[in-house]
Protein backbone atom coordinates (compact mmCIF):
# COMPACT_ATOMS: atom_id res chain seq x y z
CA UNK A 1 -12.24 -12.22 -30.77
CA UNK A 2 -9.91 -11.28 -33.95
CA UNK A 3 -10.39 -7.39 -33.69
CA UNK A 4 -10.11 -7.68 -30.03
CA UNK A 5 -6.55 -9.32 -30.15
CA UNK A 6 -5.54 -6.77 -32.76
CA UNK A 7 -6.15 -3.82 -30.33
CA UNK A 8 -4.82 -5.07 -27.41
CA UNK A 9 -1.05 -6.16 -29.54
CA UNK A 10 -1.32 -2.72 -31.01
CA UNK A 11 -1.16 -1.24 -27.04
CA UNK A 12 1.22 -3.45 -26.17
CA UNK A 13 3.27 -1.77 -29.44
CA UNK A 14 2.93 1.12 -28.38
CA UNK A 15 3.96 0.31 -24.38
CA UNK A 16 7.15 -0.70 -25.70
CA UNK A 17 7.75 2.07 -28.39
CA UNK A 18 7.54 4.40 -25.05
CA UNK A 19 10.20 2.89 -23.14
CA UNK A 20 12.69 5.61 -21.36
CA UNK A 21 15.26 5.64 -18.77
CA UNK A 22 14.44 6.52 -15.14
CA UNK A 23 14.34 10.27 -15.16
CA UNK A 24 16.62 12.10 -12.55
CA UNK A 25 17.22 15.50 -12.28
CA UNK A 26 19.38 17.08 -10.05
CA UNK A 27 19.45 21.24 -9.62
CA UNK A 28 20.66 22.98 -6.34
CA UNK A 29 20.28 19.83 -4.41
CA UNK A 30 17.30 18.85 -5.50
CA UNK A 31 16.28 15.15 -6.50
CA UNK A 32 13.83 14.30 -8.49
CA UNK A 33 13.03 10.58 -9.03
CA UNK A 34 9.83 9.48 -11.88
CA UNK A 35 9.58 5.57 -12.70
CA UNK A 36 6.64 4.63 -14.62
CA UNK A 37 5.46 1.04 -15.84
CA UNK A 38 3.34 -0.22 -18.19
CA UNK A 39 2.11 -3.70 -18.01
CA UNK A 40 -0.10 -5.95 -20.81
CA UNK A 41 -1.35 -9.37 -19.78
CA UNK A 42 -3.07 -11.92 -21.62
CA UNK A 43 -5.21 -15.23 -20.88
CA UNK A 44 -6.52 -17.42 -23.76
CA UNK A 45 -8.38 -20.46 -23.84
CA UNK A 46 -9.48 -22.67 -27.01
CA UNK A 47 -11.53 -25.98 -27.18
CA UNK A 48 -11.51 -27.99 -30.73
CA UNK A 49 -13.17 -30.90 -30.58
CA UNK A 50 -12.56 -31.38 -26.65
CA UNK A 51 -14.67 -33.91 -25.47
CA UNK A 52 -15.44 -32.31 -21.77
CA UNK A 53 -16.87 -29.22 -23.63
CA UNK A 54 -15.71 -25.64 -23.23
CA UNK A 55 -16.35 -21.61 -24.17
CA UNK A 56 -13.16 -20.28 -26.38
CA UNK A 57 -12.54 -17.18 -24.40
CA UNK A 58 -9.48 -14.42 -24.35
CA UNK A 59 -8.58 -11.71 -21.79
CA UNK A 60 -6.71 -9.14 -21.72
CA UNK A 61 -5.65 -6.47 -18.63
CA UNK A 62 -3.90 -2.83 -19.56
CA UNK A 63 -2.13 -1.46 -16.63
CA UNK A 64 0.29 1.54 -15.81
CA UNK A 65 1.53 3.22 -12.82
CA UNK A 66 3.65 6.36 -12.39
CA UNK A 67 5.38 7.40 -9.31
CA UNK A 68 7.36 11.14 -9.01
CA UNK A 69 9.32 11.23 -5.87
CA UNK A 70 10.96 14.00 -4.61
CA UNK A 71 13.35 14.08 -1.48
CA UNK A 72 15.58 16.35 0.20
CA UNK A 73 17.33 16.25 3.50
CA UNK A 74 14.39 15.46 6.30
CA UNK A 75 11.58 16.39 3.70
CA UNK A 76 10.10 13.06 1.81
CA UNK A 77 6.99 13.76 -1.13
CA UNK A 78 5.23 10.99 -2.88
CA UNK A 79 3.10 11.08 -5.21
CA UNK A 80 1.88 8.11 -7.60
CA UNK A 81 -0.97 7.93 -10.32
CA UNK A 82 -2.16 4.05 -11.04
CA UNK A 83 -4.90 2.72 -14.16
CA UNK A 84 -5.84 -0.74 -14.35
CA UNK A 85 -8.33 -1.60 -17.04
CA UNK A 86 -9.44 -4.99 -18.30
CA UNK A 87 -11.66 -7.02 -20.82
CA UNK A 88 -12.84 -10.52 -21.34
CA UNK A 89 -14.44 -12.65 -24.65
CA UNK A 90 -16.20 -15.39 -24.31
CA UNK A 91 -18.06 -17.25 -27.07
CA UNK A 92 -21.35 -16.29 -27.51
CA UNK A 93 -21.05 -13.65 -25.01
CA UNK A 94 -20.80 -9.73 -25.55
CA UNK A 95 -17.37 -8.20 -24.27
CA UNK A 96 -17.48 -7.91 -20.41
CA UNK A 97 -14.99 -5.19 -18.29
CA UNK A 98 -13.32 -7.55 -15.76
CA UNK A 99 -10.93 -4.54 -14.06
CA UNK A 100 -11.62 -0.90 -13.96
CA UNK A 101 -9.43 0.92 -11.28
CA UNK A 102 -8.26 5.10 -11.08
CA UNK A 103 -6.31 5.72 -7.93
CA UNK A 104 -3.97 9.03 -7.31
CA UNK A 105 -2.12 9.02 -4.06
CA UNK A 106 0.26 11.45 -2.40
CA UNK A 107 2.12 11.74 1.26
CA UNK A 108 4.26 14.84 2.38
CA UNK A 109 6.55 13.34 5.32
CA UNK A 110 8.97 15.67 7.27
CA UNK A 111 10.88 14.35 10.26
CA UNK A 112 13.17 16.76 12.83
CA UNK A 113 16.99 14.56 11.96
CA UNK A 114 18.30 11.50 10.08
CA UNK A 115 18.57 10.02 13.55
CA UNK A 116 14.72 8.91 13.23
CA UNK A 117 12.58 6.58 11.92
CA UNK A 118 9.27 8.59 12.63
CA UNK A 119 7.75 10.95 10.08
CA UNK A 120 5.07 13.65 10.67
CA UNK A 121 2.93 13.19 7.34
CA UNK A 122 0.39 14.25 5.30
CA UNK A 123 -1.88 12.12 2.54
CA UNK A 124 -3.82 12.46 -0.32
CA UNK A 125 -5.72 9.53 -1.88
CA UNK A 126 -8.30 9.36 -4.55
CA UNK A 127 -10.26 6.07 -6.01
CA UNK A 128 -12.79 6.00 -8.81
CA UNK A 129 -13.09 3.86 -12.08
CA UNK A 130 -13.09 5.19 -16.00
CA UNK A 131 -16.65 3.19 -16.97
CA UNK A 132 -20.27 1.86 -15.94
CA UNK A 133 -20.44 -1.30 -14.63
CA UNK A 134 -22.72 -3.87 -14.58
CA UNK A 135 -24.29 -7.25 -12.49
CA UNK A 136 -24.21 -9.42 -16.03
CA UNK A 137 -25.77 -10.37 -18.01
CA UNK A 138 -28.03 -7.23 -17.18
CA UNK A 139 -26.47 -4.28 -19.58
CA UNK A 140 -29.25 -1.80 -18.49
CA UNK A 141 -29.31 -1.03 -14.76
CA UNK A 142 -25.72 -0.23 -14.27
CA UNK A 143 -24.27 -0.64 -10.54
CA UNK A 144 -21.73 1.61 -10.73
CA UNK A 145 -19.98 4.33 -12.63
CA UNK A 146 -17.37 7.26 -13.48
CA UNK A 147 -17.22 9.02 -9.77
CA UNK A 148 -19.68 7.04 -8.45
CA UNK A 149 -18.07 5.97 -6.38
CA UNK A 150 -15.19 7.89 -6.00
CA UNK A 151 -13.22 7.68 -2.44
CA UNK A 152 -11.71 10.81 -1.29
CA UNK A 153 -9.01 10.41 1.76
CA UNK A 154 -7.26 13.59 3.35
CA UNK A 155 -5.56 13.39 6.76
CA UNK A 156 -2.40 13.59 8.90
CA UNK A 157 -1.00 11.62 11.31
CA UNK A 158 2.45 10.09 12.01
CA UNK A 159 4.40 7.52 9.50
CA UNK A 160 7.32 5.30 10.22
CA UNK A 161 9.79 3.44 8.42
CA UNK A 162 13.61 3.01 7.99
CA UNK A 163 13.14 2.80 4.37
CA UNK A 164 9.59 4.00 3.20
CA UNK A 165 10.02 2.50 -0.02
CA UNK A 166 10.28 -1.19 1.42
CA UNK A 167 8.19 -0.82 4.61
CA UNK A 168 5.53 1.83 6.34
CA UNK A 169 3.31 2.10 8.89
CA UNK A 170 1.04 4.61 8.60
CA UNK A 171 -1.62 5.91 11.43
CA UNK A 172 -3.80 9.45 10.92
CA UNK A 173 -6.40 10.14 13.80
CA UNK A 174 -7.70 12.54 12.01
CA UNK A 175 -8.63 11.70 8.28
CA UNK A 176 -11.85 13.12 6.02
CA UNK A 177 -13.60 10.41 3.65
CA UNK A 178 -15.73 11.60 1.47
CA UNK A 179 -17.49 9.04 -0.80
CA UNK A 180 -18.91 10.61 -4.02
CA UNK A 181 -22.14 9.21 -5.90
CA UNK A 182 -22.25 11.69 -8.88
CA UNK A 183 -24.89 9.37 -10.90
CA UNK A 184 -28.51 10.51 -10.41
CA UNK A 185 -29.94 7.18 -10.30
CA UNK A 186 -27.39 5.29 -8.58
CA UNK A 187 -27.66 8.55 -5.75
CA UNK A 188 -31.27 8.10 -5.72
CA UNK A 189 -31.03 4.52 -4.70
CA UNK A 190 -29.01 5.38 -1.89
CA UNK A 191 -25.67 3.63 -3.00
CA UNK A 192 -22.65 3.21 -1.74
CA UNK A 193 -24.01 4.47 1.64
CA UNK A 194 -25.36 8.33 0.36
CA UNK A 195 -28.72 9.08 1.65
CA UNK A 196 -31.38 8.01 -1.32
CA UNK A 197 -34.48 9.97 -2.73
CA UNK A 198 -37.78 10.39 -0.34
CA UNK A 199 -40.70 9.42 -2.15
CA UNK A 200 -44.21 10.15 -1.00
CA UNK A 201 -47.15 7.07 -1.37
CA UNK A 202 -47.88 8.09 -4.71
CA UNK A 203 -44.32 6.72 -5.80
CA UNK A 204 -43.39 10.99 -6.82
CA UNK A 205 -40.28 12.21 -5.77
CA UNK A 206 -40.33 14.62 -2.53
CA UNK A 207 -36.29 15.04 -2.12
CA UNK A 208 -33.62 13.85 -4.74
CA UNK A 209 -30.73 11.52 -2.78
CA UNK A 210 -27.43 13.11 -1.66
CA UNK A 211 -24.43 13.24 -4.10
CA UNK A 212 -22.04 12.90 -1.19
CA UNK A 213 -21.14 11.53 2.05
CA UNK A 214 -18.64 12.97 4.51
CA UNK A 215 -16.85 10.85 7.50
CA UNK A 216 -14.25 11.75 9.76
CA UNK A 217 -12.35 8.91 11.79
CA UNK A 218 -8.98 6.41 11.95
CA UNK A 219 -6.80 5.73 9.11
CA UNK A 220 -4.24 3.13 9.76
CA UNK A 221 -1.83 1.75 6.68
CA UNK A 222 0.81 -0.73 5.91
CA UNK A 223 2.85 -0.67 2.94
CA UNK A 224 5.60 -3.68 2.92
CA UNK A 225 7.59 -4.90 -0.77
CA UNK A 226 10.47 -7.72 -0.09
CA UNK A 227 12.25 -9.49 -2.82
CA UNK A 228 11.30 -13.14 -1.75
CA UNK A 229 13.78 -14.74 -4.18
CA UNK A 230 16.24 -13.33 -7.03
CA UNK A 231 12.84 -13.11 -9.29
CA UNK A 232 9.92 -12.93 -6.83
CA UNK A 233 8.79 -10.01 -6.00
CA UNK A 234 5.73 -9.26 -3.03
CA UNK A 235 3.97 -6.16 -2.51
CA UNK A 236 1.43 -6.16 0.50
CA UNK A 237 -0.85 -3.08 1.13
CA UNK A 238 -3.44 -2.79 4.18
CA UNK A 239 -5.88 -0.12 4.74
CA UNK A 240 -7.92 -0.16 7.74
CA UNK A 241 -10.47 2.71 8.30
CA UNK A 242 -13.50 3.55 10.89
CA UNK A 243 -15.87 6.63 11.31
CA UNK A 244 -16.05 8.51 14.75
CA UNK A 245 -19.55 9.64 14.24
CA UNK A 246 -21.25 7.13 11.97
CA UNK A 247 -20.56 3.62 12.88
CA UNK A 248 -17.67 3.97 15.18
CA UNK A 249 -16.05 0.60 15.43
CA UNK A 250 -17.35 -1.12 11.67
CA UNK A 251 -13.68 -0.93 10.15
CA UNK A 252 -13.33 -0.87 6.08
CA UNK A 253 -10.91 -3.16 4.93
CA UNK A 254 -8.65 -3.09 1.97
CA UNK A 255 -6.02 -5.30 1.17
CA UNK A 256 -4.30 -6.03 -1.47
CA UNK A 257 -1.13 -8.50 -1.95
CA UNK A 258 0.64 -9.13 -4.96
CA UNK A 259 3.43 -11.69 -5.91
CA UNK A 260 5.27 -10.59 -9.34
CA UNK A 261 7.45 -13.34 -10.96
CA UNK A 262 10.27 -12.22 -13.16
CA UNK A 263 11.04 -14.23 -16.28
CA UNK A 264 13.34 -11.48 -17.87
CA UNK A 265 13.24 -7.91 -18.52
CA UNK A 266 10.05 -7.69 -20.25
CA UNK A 267 8.14 -10.75 -19.52
CA UNK A 268 6.77 -11.57 -15.81
CA UNK A 269 3.48 -13.14 -14.24
CA UNK A 270 1.04 -12.10 -11.62
CA UNK A 271 -0.76 -13.81 -8.67
CA UNK A 272 -2.46 -11.67 -6.25
CA UNK A 273 -5.59 -11.36 -4.03
CA UNK A 274 -7.43 -8.31 -3.54
CA UNK A 275 -9.76 -8.04 0.01
CA UNK A 276 -12.44 -5.24 0.74
CA UNK A 277 -15.15 -4.69 3.15
CA UNK A 278 -17.07 -1.49 3.51
CA UNK A 279 -19.96 -1.28 5.92
CA UNK A 280 -21.80 1.12 3.62
CA UNK A 281 -22.08 -1.42 0.39
CA UNK A 282 -25.03 -2.89 0.81
CA UNK A 283 -25.78 -5.66 -1.38
CA UNK A 284 -29.26 -6.34 -3.07
CA UNK A 285 -31.32 -9.88 -3.39
CA UNK A 286 -33.48 -10.33 -5.81
CA UNK A 287 -37.17 -10.86 -4.56
CA UNK A 288 -40.29 -12.87 -5.73
CA UNK A 289 -41.49 -9.32 -7.75
CA UNK A 290 -39.91 -9.08 -10.90
CA UNK A 291 -37.35 -6.23 -10.70
CA UNK A 292 -37.44 -5.38 -7.66
CA UNK A 293 -34.63 -5.96 -5.30
CA UNK A 294 -34.13 -6.33 -1.26
CA UNK A 295 -31.31 -4.49 0.41
CA UNK A 296 -29.22 -6.80 2.57
CA UNK A 297 -25.93 -6.19 4.51
CA UNK A 298 -22.91 -5.61 3.39
CA UNK A 299 -20.21 -8.85 2.83
CA UNK A 300 -16.87 -9.08 1.95
CA UNK A 301 -15.49 -8.31 -1.20
CA UNK A 302 -12.58 -10.72 -2.98
CA UNK A 303 -11.05 -10.58 -6.57
CA UNK A 304 -8.17 -13.03 -7.38
CA UNK A 305 -5.72 -12.17 -10.43
CA UNK A 306 -3.50 -14.02 -11.98
CA UNK A 307 -1.56 -13.19 -15.59
CA UNK A 308 0.99 -13.64 -18.05
CA UNK A 309 2.52 -10.66 -20.16
CA UNK A 310 4.36 -7.93 -20.66
CA UNK A 311 5.80 -5.21 -18.62
CA UNK A 312 8.11 -2.46 -19.47
CA UNK A 313 9.91 0.18 -17.11
CA UNK A 314 10.65 3.45 -18.58
């Protein structure tokens, strides 16, 4: 645990050393604006002769987000990269992953004049994770990994917002969604909605599982951010998607709401909630036979975040 804490402090020191001013480049009436934010949150519990009992633990979450915006006349182009990775170490247990996310996004919007708040818009979004995920304490069979899954969204539609940084409504009647499962074992098992492998009666594979699942459907998103109080900022992001062909009416939900409590220029606290529902992500329930599972329907996924740490804008 001591080595784990030392490594986390080194990462924090590197984030602080990287601090610099926001980059603004103006040339020939072109304006680029780049902002970066790195954060490191800590959570620690220690018990000494505690009569009620308990387990010593330490958790850390490293986050980084970079945004690049280009705006000229009626054209707006925004791109971002977001990375989050968290670890937890409890007494008498091995290190476990608590957070793992990589997201790349880009949107291009154009409006006919400065009087309207409607934009013709096109969007790109890609999500995956860095490392394998497990159903702890089982560490022998991964349930997810890098590009397993990977979600790709490409679409075009209309976006409304007087100030897109604070409030945005986006609707795309034509959005292409691709689910990538590049892990052979997970693809053969039919994880994340891809077609599973086909076996004969003797258990021999006749056809391997597909690595890609494609859909075409409707995407509706909402983004809202506001300063509730002087030191409290709230950010809400909601995404709703339904496929035209395979399961029209079954809505995939991705809803995240985060409260940022700013203590000072560096220290902040975070309280967040993240809800997901994907009809293609089924649950596995253990049967009476060892190492055999039965596939059940999709369930709502919920993650709650509470952290105190340091954040650096540069």
